PDB file of N, CA and C in Angstrom:
ATOM      1  N   MET A   1      80.817-172.347  81.121  1.00  0.00           N
ATOM      2  CA  MET A   1      81.468-173.215  80.303  1.00  0.00           C
ATOM      3  C   MET A   1      81.792-174.409  80.929  1.00  0.00           C
ATOM      4  N   THR A   2      82.062-175.529  80.634  1.00  0.00           N
ATOM      5  CA  THR A   2      82.723-176.656  81.669  1.00  0.00           C
ATOM      6  C   THR A   2      83.959-176.485  80.452  1.00  0.00           C
ATOM      7  N   PRO A   3      84.621-177.644  81.052  1.00  0.00           N
ATOM      8  CA  PRO A   3      85.407-178.353  80.553  1.00  0.00           C
ATOM      9  C   PRO A   3      85.750-179.053  79.824  1.00  0.00           C
ATOM     10  N   CYS A   4      85.915-179.745  79.542  1.00  0.00           N
ATOM     11  CA  CYS A   4      86.191-180.591  78.545  1.00  0.00           C
ATOM     12  C   CYS A   4      87.028-182.100  79.823  1.00  0.00           C
ATOM     13  N   PRO A   5      86.188-183.508  79.947  1.00  0.00           N
ATOM     14  CA  PRO A   5      87.029-184.072  81.533  1.00  0.00           C
ATOM     15  C   PRO A   5      88.670-184.899  80.703  1.00  0.00           C
ATOM     16  N   THR A   6      88.380-184.224  79.215  1.00  0.00           N
ATOM     17  CA  THR A   6      89.579-185.323  79.208  1.00  0.00           C
ATOM     18  C   THR A   6      91.194-183.667  79.476  1.00  0.00           C
ATOM     19  N   MET A   7      90.358-182.857  79.717  1.00  0.00           N
ATOM     20  CA  MET A   7      91.052-182.287  78.916  1.00  0.00           C
ATOM     21  C   MET A   7      91.904-182.201  80.783  1.00  0.00           C
ATOM     22  N   HIS A   8      90.836-182.287  81.857  1.00  0.00           N
ATOM     23  CA  HIS A   8      91.203-182.998  83.588  1.00  0.00           C
ATOM     24  C   HIS A   8      92.327-183.690  83.732  1.00  0.00           C
ATOM     25  N   LEU A   9      92.231-184.878  82.182  1.00  0.00           N
ATOM     26  CA  LEU A   9      93.260-185.398  82.583  1.00  0.00           C
ATOM     27  C   LEU A   9      94.912-185.900  82.228  1.00  0.00           C
ATOM     28  N   LEU A  10      94.259-185.142  81.090  1.00  0.00           N
ATOM     29  CA  LEU A  10      95.947-184.160  80.606  1.00  0.00           C
ATOM     30  C   LEU A  10      96.647-183.067  81.666  1.00  0.00           C
ATOM     31  N   LEU A  11      95.224-182.781  82.100  1.00  0.00           N
ATOM     32  CA  LEU A  11      96.412-182.183  84.269  1.00  0.00           C
ATOM     33  C   LEU A  11      96.662-182.903  84.386  1.00  0.00           C
ATOM     34  N   LEU A  12      96.500-183.748  85.471  1.00  0.00           N
ATOM     35  CA  LEU A  12      96.594-185.136  86.072  1.00  0.00           C
ATOM     36  C   LEU A  12      97.874-185.601  85.160  1.00  0.00           C
ATOM     37  N   PHE A  13      97.560-186.465  84.203  1.00  0.00           N
ATOM     38  CA  PHE A  13      98.606-187.656  83.645  1.00  0.00           C
ATOM     39  C   PHE A  13      98.957-186.789  82.813  1.00  0.00           C
ATOM     40  N   PRO A  14     100.162-186.141  81.868  1.00  0.00           N
ATOM     41  CA  PRO A  14     100.683-185.598  80.700  1.00  0.00           C
ATOM     42  C   PRO A  14     100.950-187.013  79.625  1.00  0.00           C
ATOM     43  N   SER A  15     100.795-187.878  80.062  1.00  0.00           N
ATOM     44  CA  SER A  15     101.225-188.474  79.562  1.00  0.00           C
ATOM     45  C   SER A  15     100.493-189.450  78.194  1.00  0.00           C
ATOM     46  N   PHE A  16      99.038-188.392  79.082  1.00  0.00           N
ATOM     47  CA  PHE A  16      96.762-189.424  79.095  1.00  0.00           C
ATOM     48  C   PHE A  16      98.015-188.741  77.552  1.00  0.00           C
ATOM     49  N   PRO A  17      96.410-189.962  76.341  1.00  0.00           N
ATOM     50  CA  PRO A  17      96.131-189.649  74.968  1.00  0.00           C
ATOM     51  C   PRO A  17      96.014-188.362  74.623  1.00  0.00           C
ATOM     52  N   ALA A  18      96.255-187.626  74.264  1.00  0.00           N
ATOM     53  CA  ALA A  18      94.805-186.603  74.278  1.00  0.00           C
ATOM     54  C   ALA A  18      93.270-187.239  72.531  1.00  0.00           C
ATOM     55  N   ALA A  19      92.024-185.924  72.819  1.00  0.00           N
ATOM     56  CA  ALA A  19      91.167-187.296  72.604  1.00  0.00           C
ATOM     57  C   ALA A  19      91.402-186.973  70.941  1.00  0.00           C
ATOM     58  N   THR A  20      91.027-187.963  70.236  1.00  0.00           N
ATOM     59  CA  THR A  20      91.384-188.543  69.210  1.00  0.00           C
ATOM     60  C   THR A  20      90.091-187.687  68.034  1.00  0.00           C
ATOM     61  N   PRO A  21      90.497-186.216  66.682  1.00  0.00           N
ATOM     62  CA  PRO A  21      89.965-185.785  65.672  1.00  0.00           C
ATOM     63  C   PRO A  21      88.770-186.557  65.638  1.00  0.00           C
ATOM     64  N   PRO A  22      87.072-186.362  64.706  1.00  0.00           N
ATOM     65  CA  PRO A  22      86.674-186.997  64.681  1.00  0.00           C
ATOM     66  C   PRO A  22      86.690-187.955  63.295  1.00  0.00           C
ATOM     67  N   ALA A  23      86.633-188.884  62.142  1.00  0.00           N
ATOM     68  CA  ALA A  23      86.416-189.531  61.529  1.00  0.00           C
ATOM     69  C   ALA A  23      86.274-188.773  60.054  1.00  0.00           C
ATOM     70  N   PRO A  24      87.409-188.288  59.090  1.00  0.00           N
ATOM     71  CA  PRO A  24      86.484-188.077  57.894  1.00  0.00           C
ATOM     72  C   PRO A  24      84.607-188.753  57.791  1.00  0.00           C
ATOM     73  N   VAL A  25      83.685-187.413  56.856  1.00  0.00           N
ATOM     74  CA  VAL A  25      82.603-188.849  56.627  1.00  0.00           C
ATOM     75  C   VAL A  25      83.234-189.291  55.359  1.00  0.00           C
ATOM     76  N   LYS A  26      82.733-190.323  55.055  1.00  0.00           N
ATOM     77  CA  LYS A  26      83.035-191.322  54.034  1.00  0.00           C
ATOM     78  C   LYS A  26      81.658-191.223  52.509  1.00  0.00           C
ATOM     79  N   MET A  27      82.287-191.695  50.899  1.00  0.00           N
ATOM     80  CA  MET A  27      80.450-191.816  50.818  1.00  0.00           C
ATOM     81  C   MET A  27      79.864-192.994  51.983  1.00  0.00           C
ATOM     82  N   ALA A  28      79.726-194.646  52.143  1.00  0.00           N
ATOM     83  CA  ALA A  28      79.353-195.026  52.315  1.00  0.00           C
ATOM     84  C   ALA A  28      79.085-194.947  54.055  1.00  0.00           C
ATOM     85  N   ASP A  29      79.119-193.815  54.758  1.00  0.00           N
ATOM     86  CA  ASP A  29      78.337-193.222  56.205  1.00  0.00           C
ATOM     87  C   ASP A  29      77.945-192.104  55.539  1.00  0.00           C
ATOM     88  N   ARG A  30      77.432-192.097  55.115  1.00  0.00           N
ATOM     89  CA  ARG A  30      75.987-190.059  54.518  1.00  0.00           C
ATOM     90  C   ARG A  30      74.643-191.282  54.558  1.00  0.00           C
ATOM     91  N   PRO A  31      74.120-190.697  55.190  1.00  0.00           N
ATOM     92  CA  PRO A  31      72.670-190.772  55.298  1.00  0.00           C
ATOM     93  C   PRO A  31      71.850-191.232  54.750  1.00  0.00           C
ATOM     94  N   VAL A  32      70.999-192.203  55.597  1.00  0.00           N
ATOM     95  CA  VAL A  32      70.027-192.981  53.669  1.00  0.00           C
ATOM     96  C   VAL A  32      68.699-192.497  54.120  1.00  0.00           C
ATOM     97  N   PRO A  33      68.191-191.352  53.515  1.00  0.00           N
ATOM     98  CA  PRO A  33      66.462-191.736  53.474  1.00  0.00           C
ATOM     99  C   PRO A  33      66.266-192.885  54.101  1.00  0.00           C
ATOM    100  N   VAL A  34      64.805-192.703  54.667  1.00  0.00           N
ATOM    101  CA  VAL A  34      64.706-193.488  55.049  1.00  0.00           C
ATOM    102  C   VAL A  34      63.282-193.969  54.325  1.00  0.00           C
ATOM    103  N   ALA A  35      62.912-193.538  54.359  1.00  0.00           N
ATOM    104  CA  ALA A  35      62.490-194.444  52.126  1.00  0.00           C
ATOM    105  C   ALA A  35      63.090-194.855  51.301  1.00  0.00           C
ATOM    106  N   GLU A  36      64.672-194.582  51.350  1.00  0.00           N
ATOM    107  CA  GLU A  36      64.839-195.523  50.514  1.00  0.00           C
ATOM    108  C   GLU A  36      65.897-197.279  51.293  1.00  0.00           C
ATOM    109  N   LYS A  37      65.265-196.851  52.494  1.00  0.00           N
ATOM    110  CA  LYS A  37      65.869-197.861  53.457  1.00  0.00           C
ATOM    111  C   LYS A  37      64.749-199.736  53.126  1.00  0.00           C
ATOM    112  N   ARG A  38      65.461-200.643  53.342  1.00  0.00           N
ATOM    113  CA  ARG A  38      64.854-201.928  53.311  1.00  0.00           C
ATOM    114  C   ARG A  38      64.590-202.527  54.487  1.00  0.00           C
ATOM    115  N   LEU A  39      63.186-203.217  54.736  1.00  0.00           N
ATOM    116  CA  LEU A  39      62.761-202.923  55.708  1.00  0.00           C
ATOM    117  C   LEU A  39      63.722-203.208  57.229  1.00  0.00           C
ATOM    118  N   MET A  40      64.631-204.654  56.680  1.00  0.00           N
ATOM    119  CA  MET A  40      65.007-204.936  57.874  1.00  0.00           C
ATOM    120  C   MET A  40      66.523-204.050  58.429  1.00  0.00           C
ATOM    121  N   ASP A  41      66.285-202.803  58.060  1.00  0.00           N
ATOM    122  CA  ASP A  41      67.338-201.359  57.988  1.00  0.00           C
ATOM    123  C   ASP A  41      66.041-200.582  58.906  1.00  0.00           C
ATOM    124  N   VAL A  42      65.049-200.707  58.917  1.00  0.00           N
ATOM    125  CA  VAL A  42      64.516-199.926  59.696  1.00  0.00           C
ATOM    126  C   VAL A  42      63.855-199.931  60.540  1.00  0.00           C
ATOM    127  N   LYS A  43      64.731-199.131  61.955  1.00  0.00           N
ATOM    128  CA  LYS A  43      63.845-199.082  62.993  1.00  0.00           C
ATOM    129  C   LYS A  43      63.059-198.267  63.126  1.00  0.00           C
ATOM    130  N   LEU A  44      62.181-199.298  64.431  1.00  0.00           N
ATOM    131  CA  LEU A  44      60.553-198.649  65.318  1.00  0.00           C
ATOM    132  C   LEU A  44      60.814-197.998  65.073  1.00  0.00           C
ATOM    133  N   GLY A  45      61.176-196.542  65.291  1.00  0.00           N
ATOM    134  CA  GLY A  45      60.800-195.529  65.536  1.00  0.00           C
ATOM    135  C   GLY A  45      59.787-195.042  64.151  1.00  0.00           C
ATOM    136  N   GLU A  46      61.098-195.130  63.241  1.00  0.00           N
ATOM    137  CA  GLU A  46      60.901-194.510  61.928  1.00  0.00           C
ATOM    138  C   GLU A  46      60.672-195.120  60.582  1.00  0.00           C
ATOM    139  N   LEU A  47      59.696-196.706  61.176  1.00  0.00           N
ATOM    140  CA  LEU A  47      58.997-197.612  61.202  1.00  0.00           C
ATOM    141  C   LEU A  47      58.239-196.466  60.139  1.00  0.00           C
ATOM    142  N   PRO A  48      56.916-195.359  60.553  1.00  0.00           N
ATOM    143  CA  PRO A  48      55.535-194.955  60.406  1.00  0.00           C
ATOM    144  C   PRO A  48      56.743-193.750  59.020  1.00  0.00           C
ATOM    145  N   ARG A  49      57.403-193.265  59.311  1.00  0.00           N
ATOM    146  CA  ARG A  49      58.055-192.525  57.723  1.00  0.00           C
ATOM    147  C   ARG A  49      58.259-194.066  56.646  1.00  0.00           C
ATOM    148  N   TRP A  50      58.921-194.490  56.941  1.00  0.00           N
ATOM    149  CA  TRP A  50      59.138-195.915  55.852  1.00  0.00           C
ATOM    150  C   TRP A  50      58.274-196.000  55.486  1.00  0.00           C
ATOM    151  N   LEU A  51      56.424-196.274  56.000  1.00  0.00           N
ATOM    152  CA  LEU A  51      55.644-196.736  55.783  1.00  0.00           C
ATOM    153  C   LEU A  51      54.780-195.762  54.884  1.00  0.00           C
ATOM    154  N   ALA A  52      55.145-194.885  54.797  1.00  0.00           N
ATOM    155  CA  ALA A  52      55.031-193.507  54.450  1.00  0.00           C
ATOM    156  C   ALA A  52      55.059-193.296  52.381  1.00  0.00           C
ATOM    157  N   GLY A  53      56.089-194.129  52.501  1.00  0.00           N
ATOM    158  CA  GLY A  53      56.755-194.092  51.709  1.00  0.00           C
ATOM    159  C   GLY A  53      56.782-194.530  50.862  1.00  0.00           C
ATOM    160  N   ARG A  54      56.205-195.870  51.517  1.00  0.00           N
ATOM    161  CA  ARG A  54      56.535-197.138  50.103  1.00  0.00           C
ATOM    162  C   ARG A  54      55.191-196.627  48.535  1.00  0.00           C
ATOM    163  N   ASN A  55      55.063-197.623  48.173  1.00  0.00           N
ATOM    164  CA  ASN A  55      54.305-196.864  47.080  1.00  0.00           C
ATOM    165  C   ASN A  55      52.898-197.864  47.110  1.00  0.00           C
ATOM    166  N   TRP A  56      51.608-197.313  47.520  1.00  0.00           N
ATOM    167  CA  TRP A  56      50.761-198.463  47.725  1.00  0.00           C
ATOM    168  C   TRP A  56      50.144-198.519  46.456  1.00  0.00           C
ATOM    169  N   SER A  57      49.789-198.459  45.193  1.00  0.00           N
ATOM    170  CA  SER A  57      49.546-198.775  44.838  1.00  0.00           C
ATOM    171  C   SER A  57      48.865-200.255  43.498  1.00  0.00           C
ATOM    172  N   PRO A  58      48.473-200.730  42.539  1.00  0.00           N
ATOM    173  CA  PRO A  58      48.103-202.012  42.854  1.00  0.00           C
ATOM    174  C   PRO A  58      49.673-201.717  42.432  1.00  0.00           C
ATOM    175  N   ASN A  59      50.304-202.149  40.947  1.00  0.00           N
ATOM    176  CA  ASN A  59      52.189-201.963  40.514  1.00  0.00           C
ATOM    177  C   ASN A  59      52.739-201.737  41.551  1.00  0.00           C
ATOM    178  N   GLY A  60      52.602-201.025  42.440  1.00  0.00           N
ATOM    179  CA  GLY A  60      53.807-201.527  43.562  1.00  0.00           C
ATOM    180  C   GLY A  60      53.725-202.250  44.941  1.00  0.00           C
ATOM    181  N   LEU A  61      52.503-202.772  44.934  1.00  0.00           N
ATOM    182  CA  LEU A  61      52.005-204.517  45.572  1.00  0.00           C
ATOM    183  C   LEU A  61      52.629-205.278  45.246  1.00  0.00           C
ATOM    184  N   VAL A  62      52.422-205.777  42.956  1.00  0.00           N
ATOM    185  CA  VAL A  62      53.249-206.138  42.499  1.00  0.00           C
ATOM    186  C   VAL A  62      54.405-206.573  42.946  1.00  0.00           C
ATOM    187  N   GLY A  63      55.625-204.897  42.026  1.00  0.00           N
ATOM    188  CA  GLY A  63      56.979-205.144  42.329  1.00  0.00           C
ATOM    189  C   GLY A  63      57.155-205.637  43.469  1.00  0.00           C
ATOM    190  N   GLY A  64      56.244-205.217  45.485  1.00  0.00           N
ATOM    191  CA  GLY A  64      57.003-205.719  46.177  1.00  0.00           C
ATOM    192  C   GLY A  64      57.491-206.994  46.769  1.00  0.00           C
ATOM    193  N   VAL A  65      56.252-207.932  46.405  1.00  0.00           N
ATOM    194  CA  VAL A  65      56.106-209.051  45.994  1.00  0.00           C
ATOM    195  C   VAL A  65      56.848-209.978  45.388  1.00  0.00           C
ATOM    196  N   LEU A  66      57.452-209.595  44.213  1.00  0.00           N
ATOM    197  CA  LEU A  66      58.645-209.620  43.093  1.00  0.00           C
ATOM    198  C   LEU A  66      59.404-209.578  43.468  1.00  0.00           C
ATOM    199  N   GLY A  67      59.455-208.242  43.971  1.00  0.00           N
ATOM    200  CA  GLY A  67      61.094-208.201  44.871  1.00  0.00           C
ATOM    201  C   GLY A  67      61.390-208.797  45.758  1.00  0.00           C
ATOM    202  N   GLY A  68      60.401-209.391  46.658  1.00  0.00           N
ATOM    203  CA  GLY A  68      61.004-210.206  47.411  1.00  0.00           C
ATOM    204  C   GLY A  68      61.528-211.826  46.916  1.00  0.00           C
ATOM    205  N   TYR A  69      60.066-211.509  46.408  1.00  0.00           N
ATOM    206  CA  TYR A  69      59.934-213.383  45.773  1.00  0.00           C
ATOM    207  C   TYR A  69      62.064-213.359  45.114  1.00  0.00           C
ATOM    208  N   ASP A  70      61.467-212.882  44.008  1.00  0.00           N
ATOM    209  CA  ASP A  70      63.289-212.463  43.627  1.00  0.00           C
ATOM    210  C   ASP A  70      64.282-212.916  44.499  1.00  0.00           C
ATOM    211  N   ARG A  71      64.350-212.187  45.569  1.00  0.00           N
ATOM    212  CA  ARG A  71      65.525-211.910  46.853  1.00  0.00           C
ATOM    213  C   ARG A  71      64.716-213.432  47.708  1.00  0.00           C
ATOM    214  N   TYR A  72      64.484-213.962  47.993  1.00  0.00           N
ATOM    215  CA  TYR A  72      64.464-215.277  48.346  1.00  0.00           C
ATOM    216  C   TYR A  72      64.482-216.355  47.467  1.00  0.00           C
ATOM    217  N   TYR A  73      64.498-216.183  45.991  1.00  0.00           N
ATOM    218  CA  TYR A  73      64.632-217.509  45.154  1.00  0.00           C
ATOM    219  C   TYR A  73      66.068-217.345  44.873  1.00  0.00           C
ATOM    220  N   ASN A  74      66.097-216.343  44.636  1.00  0.00           N
ATOM    221  CA  ASN A  74      68.127-216.274  44.473  1.00  0.00           C
ATOM    222  C   ASN A  74      69.423-216.361  45.644  1.00  0.00           C
ATOM    223  N   LYS A  75      68.744-215.451  47.503  1.00  0.00           N
ATOM    224  CA  LYS A  75      69.094-215.968  48.302  1.00  0.00           C
ATOM    225  C   LYS A  75      69.737-217.866  49.047  1.00  0.00           C
ATOM    226  N   TYR A  76      68.298-218.235  48.626  1.00  0.00           N
ATOM    227  CA  TYR A  76      67.848-219.418  49.210  1.00  0.00           C
ATOM    228  C   TYR A  76      68.091-220.711  48.147  1.00  0.00           C
ATOM    229  N   ILE A  77      67.546-220.525  46.773  1.00  0.00           N
ATOM    230  CA  ILE A  77      66.715-221.234  46.155  1.00  0.00           C
ATOM    231  C   ILE A  77      67.787-221.459  45.058  1.00  0.00           C
ATOM    232  N   ASN A  78      68.292-220.715  44.209  1.00  0.00           N
ATOM    233  CA  ASN A  78      69.796-220.961  42.886  1.00  0.00           C
ATOM    234  C   ASN A  78      70.861-220.498  43.749  1.00  0.00           C
ATOM    235  N   VAL A  79      70.761-221.400  44.275  1.00  0.00           N
ATOM    236  CA  VAL A  79      72.933-221.312  45.183  1.00  0.00           C
ATOM    237  C   VAL A  79      73.102-222.931  44.134  1.00  0.00           C
ATOM    238  N   LYS A  80      74.831-222.241  44.888  1.00  0.00           N
ATOM    239  CA  LYS A  80      75.067-223.547  43.655  1.00  0.00           C
ATOM    240  C   LYS A  80      75.557-224.813  44.881  1.00  0.00           C
ATOM    241  N   LYS A  81      75.554-224.845  46.321  1.00  0.00           N
ATOM    242  CA  LYS A  81      75.348-225.089  47.339  1.00  0.00           C
ATOM    243  C   LYS A  81      74.606-225.110  48.300  1.00  0.00           C
ATOM    244  N   GLY A  82      73.453-225.684  47.537  1.00  0.00           N
ATOM    245  CA  GLY A  82      72.129-225.225  48.256  1.00  0.00           C
ATOM    246  C   GLY A  82      71.361-226.620  49.332  1.00  0.00           C
ATOM    247  N   GLY A  83      70.994-226.579  49.924  1.00  0.00           N
ATOM    248  CA  GLY A  83      70.322-227.317  51.477  1.00  0.00           C
ATOM    249  C   GLY A  83      68.704-227.537  51.097  1.00  0.00           C
ATOM    250  N   ILE A  84      68.058-228.442  51.458  1.00  0.00           N
ATOM    251  CA  ILE A  84      66.916-227.922  52.507  1.00  0.00           C
ATOM    252  C   ILE A  84      66.262-227.008  53.132  1.00  0.00           C
ATOM    253  N   GLY A  85      66.983-225.999  54.087  1.00  0.00           N
ATOM    254  CA  GLY A  85      66.556-224.416  54.436  1.00  0.00           C
ATOM    255  C   GLY A  85      65.521-223.580  54.108  1.00  0.00           C
ATOM    256  N   GLY A  86      65.393-222.692  52.472  1.00  0.00           N
ATOM    257  CA  GLY A  86      64.948-222.994  51.807  1.00  0.00           C
ATOM    258  C   GLY A  86      63.435-223.251  51.437  1.00  0.00           C
ATOM    259  N   VAL A  87      63.871-224.666  51.110  1.00  0.00           N
ATOM    260  CA  VAL A  87      62.276-225.073  50.435  1.00  0.00           C
ATOM    261  C   VAL A  87      61.734-225.427  52.042  1.00  0.00           C
ATOM    262  N   ALA A  88      62.765-226.497  52.766  1.00  0.00           N
ATOM    263  CA  ALA A  88      61.522-225.826  54.091  1.00  0.00           C
ATOM    264  C   ALA A  88      60.864-225.104  54.625  1.00  0.00           C
ATOM    265  N   MET A  89      61.356-223.958  54.329  1.00  0.00           N
ATOM    266  CA  MET A  89      61.086-222.252  55.219  1.00  0.00           C
ATOM    267  C   MET A  89      59.288-221.850  54.040  1.00  0.00           C
ATOM    268  N   PHE A  90      60.326-222.062  52.971  1.00  0.00           N
ATOM    269  CA  PHE A  90      59.132-222.076  51.929  1.00  0.00           C
ATOM    270  C   PHE A  90      56.626-223.363  52.768  1.00  0.00           C
ATOM    271  N   VAL A  91      57.383-223.903  53.082  1.00  0.00           N
ATOM    272  CA  VAL A  91      56.676-225.277  53.127  1.00  0.00           C
ATOM    273  C   VAL A  91      56.553-224.936  54.974  1.00  0.00           C
ATOM    274  N   PHE A  92      56.920-224.718  55.102  1.00  0.00           N
ATOM    275  CA  PHE A  92      56.073-224.026  56.934  1.00  0.00           C
ATOM    276  C   PHE A  92      55.731-222.632  56.547  1.00  0.00           C
ATOM    277  N   GLY A  93      55.910-222.436  56.394  1.00  0.00           N
ATOM    278  CA  GLY A  93      55.460-220.619  56.138  1.00  0.00           C
ATOM    279  C   GLY A  93      53.889-221.294  55.510  1.00  0.00           C
ATOM    280  N   TYR A  94      53.801-222.642  54.683  1.00  0.00           N
ATOM    281  CA  TYR A  94      52.328-222.749  53.372  1.00  0.00           C
ATOM    282  C   TYR A  94      52.260-223.110  53.968  1.00  0.00           C
ATOM    283  N   VAL A  95      52.533-223.800  55.507  1.00  0.00           N
ATOM    284  CA  VAL A  95      51.419-224.998  56.346  1.00  0.00           C
ATOM    285  C   VAL A  95      50.871-223.851  58.177  1.00  0.00           C
ATOM    286  N   VAL A  96      51.519-222.698  58.312  1.00  0.00           N
ATOM    287  CA  VAL A  96      51.681-222.040  59.087  1.00  0.00           C
ATOM    288  C   VAL A  96      49.725-220.852  58.438  1.00  0.00           C
ATOM    289  N   LEU A  97      50.212-220.754  57.550  1.00  0.00           N
ATOM    290  CA  LEU A  97      49.907-219.832  56.709  1.00  0.00           C
ATOM    291  C   LEU A  97      47.834-220.837  56.464  1.00  0.00           C
ATOM    292  N   SER A  98      47.898-221.670  56.781  1.00  0.00           N
ATOM    293  CA  SER A  98      46.735-223.015  55.432  1.00  0.00           C
ATOM    294  C   SER A  98      46.134-222.722  57.705  1.00  0.00           C
ATOM    295  N   TYR A  99      46.622-223.021  58.264  1.00  0.00           N
ATOM    296  CA  TYR A  99      46.334-223.182  58.802  1.00  0.00           C
ATOM    297  C   TYR A  99      45.376-221.938  60.352  1.00  0.00           C
ATOM    298  N   VAL A 100      45.787-220.616  59.704  1.00  0.00           N
ATOM    299  CA  VAL A 100      45.625-219.431  60.103  1.00  0.00           C
ATOM    300  C   VAL A 100      44.152-219.150  59.189  1.00  0.00           C
ATOM    301  N   TRP A 101      44.239-219.773  57.783  1.00  0.00           N
ATOM    302  CA  TRP A 101      42.594-219.355  57.315  1.00  0.00           C
ATOM    303  C   TRP A 101      41.651-220.812  57.149  1.00  0.00           C
ATOM    304  N   ASP A 102      42.561-221.116  58.212  1.00  0.00           N
ATOM    305  CA  ASP A 102      41.246-223.221  58.179  1.00  0.00           C
ATOM    306  C   ASP A 102      40.947-223.091  60.295  1.00  0.00           C
ATOM    307  N   TYR A 103      41.534-222.100  60.681  1.00  0.00           N
ATOM    308  CA  TYR A 103      41.504-222.054  62.165  1.00  0.00           C
ATOM    309  C   TYR A 103      39.967-222.101  63.303  1.00  0.00           C
ATOM    310  N   GLU A 104      38.990-221.194  61.875  1.00  0.00           N
ATOM    311  CA  GLU A 104      37.487-220.890  62.563  1.00  0.00           C
ATOM    312  C   GLU A 104      36.708-221.750  62.037  1.00  0.00           C
ATOM    313  N   HIS A 105      37.056-222.788  61.175  1.00  0.00           N
ATOM    314  CA  HIS A 105      37.071-224.305  60.663  1.00  0.00           C
ATOM    315  C   HIS A 105      37.487-224.936  61.313  1.00  0.00           C
ATOM    316  N   LEU A 106      38.296-225.067  62.165  1.00  0.00           N
ATOM    317  CA  LEU A 106      39.198-225.929  62.781  1.00  0.00           C
ATOM    318  C   LEU A 106      38.964-225.775  64.639  1.00  0.00           C
ATOM    319  N   LYS A 107      38.489-224.774  64.698  1.00  0.00           N
ATOM    320  CA  LYS A 107      38.184-225.421  66.058  1.00  0.00           C
ATOM    321  C   LYS A 107      36.800-225.376  66.831  1.00  0.00           C
ATOM    322  N   HIS A 108      36.265-226.006  65.601  1.00  0.00           N
ATOM    323  CA  HIS A 108      34.697-226.196  66.065  1.00  0.00           C
ATOM    324  C   HIS A 108      34.814-227.366  65.923  1.00  0.00           C
ATOM    325  N   ASP A 109      36.211-228.089  65.644  1.00  0.00           N
ATOM    326  CA  ASP A 109      35.713-229.637  65.588  1.00  0.00           C
ATOM    327  C   ASP A 109      36.680-231.129  66.210  1.00  0.00           C
ATOM    328  N   ARG A 110      37.494-229.918  67.785  1.00  0.00           N
ATOM    329  CA  ARG A 110      38.016-229.964  68.890  1.00  0.00           C
ATOM    330  C   ARG A 110      36.959-231.356  69.162  1.00  0.00           C
ATOM    331  N   TRP A 111      37.095-231.715  70.638  1.00  0.00           N
ATOM    332  CA  TRP A 111      37.213-233.140  71.212  1.00  0.00           C
ATOM    333  C   TRP A 111      35.915-232.498  72.462  1.00  0.00           C
ATOM    334  N   ARG A 112      35.043-232.006  72.789  1.00  0.00           N
ATOM    335  CA  ARG A 112      34.008-231.951  73.835  1.00  0.00           C
ATOM    336  C   ARG A 112      33.696-231.781  75.216  1.00  0.00           C
ATOM    337  N   LYS A 113      33.598-231.653  76.006  1.00  0.00           N
ATOM    338  CA  LYS A 113      33.453-232.505  77.591  1.00  0.00           C
ATOM    339  C   LYS A 113      32.050-232.595  77.927  1.00  0.00           C
ATOM    340  N   TYR A 114      31.846-231.546  77.737  1.00  0.00           N
ATOM    341  CA  TYR A 114      30.223-231.361  77.155  1.00  0.00           C
ATOM    342  C   TYR A 114      29.504-230.621  75.899  1.00  0.00           C
ATOM    343  N   HIS A 115      28.495-231.554  75.063  1.00  0.00           N
ATOM    344  CA  HIS A 115      28.112-230.879  74.145  1.00  0.00           C
ATOM    345  C   HIS A 115      26.621-230.589  74.526  1.00  0.00           C
TER     346      HIS A 115
END
């Protein structure tokens, strides 16, 4: 078993500060199960376990959409001093989604050099 690297420093430099013991674990430091984390807190390696822990029933999907809507509404729309950001984000998402839905139709309307 090899000695700790700080032990060598302590022998060479007696005034070198000793290693501090680890901090005690608090309530907030306890690990959260992957299934209870929010999507933005899930790491890429944990994504399959997080998806497996989701409720894929129709009621679960509706609950997820309504929860996302509530978070969006309370963060961007239902504020004291709001700006155009929340509404602009919604309109931009609608434009992108409608373009994706109509892309197959729109790509046939392009100008073509050879007919």
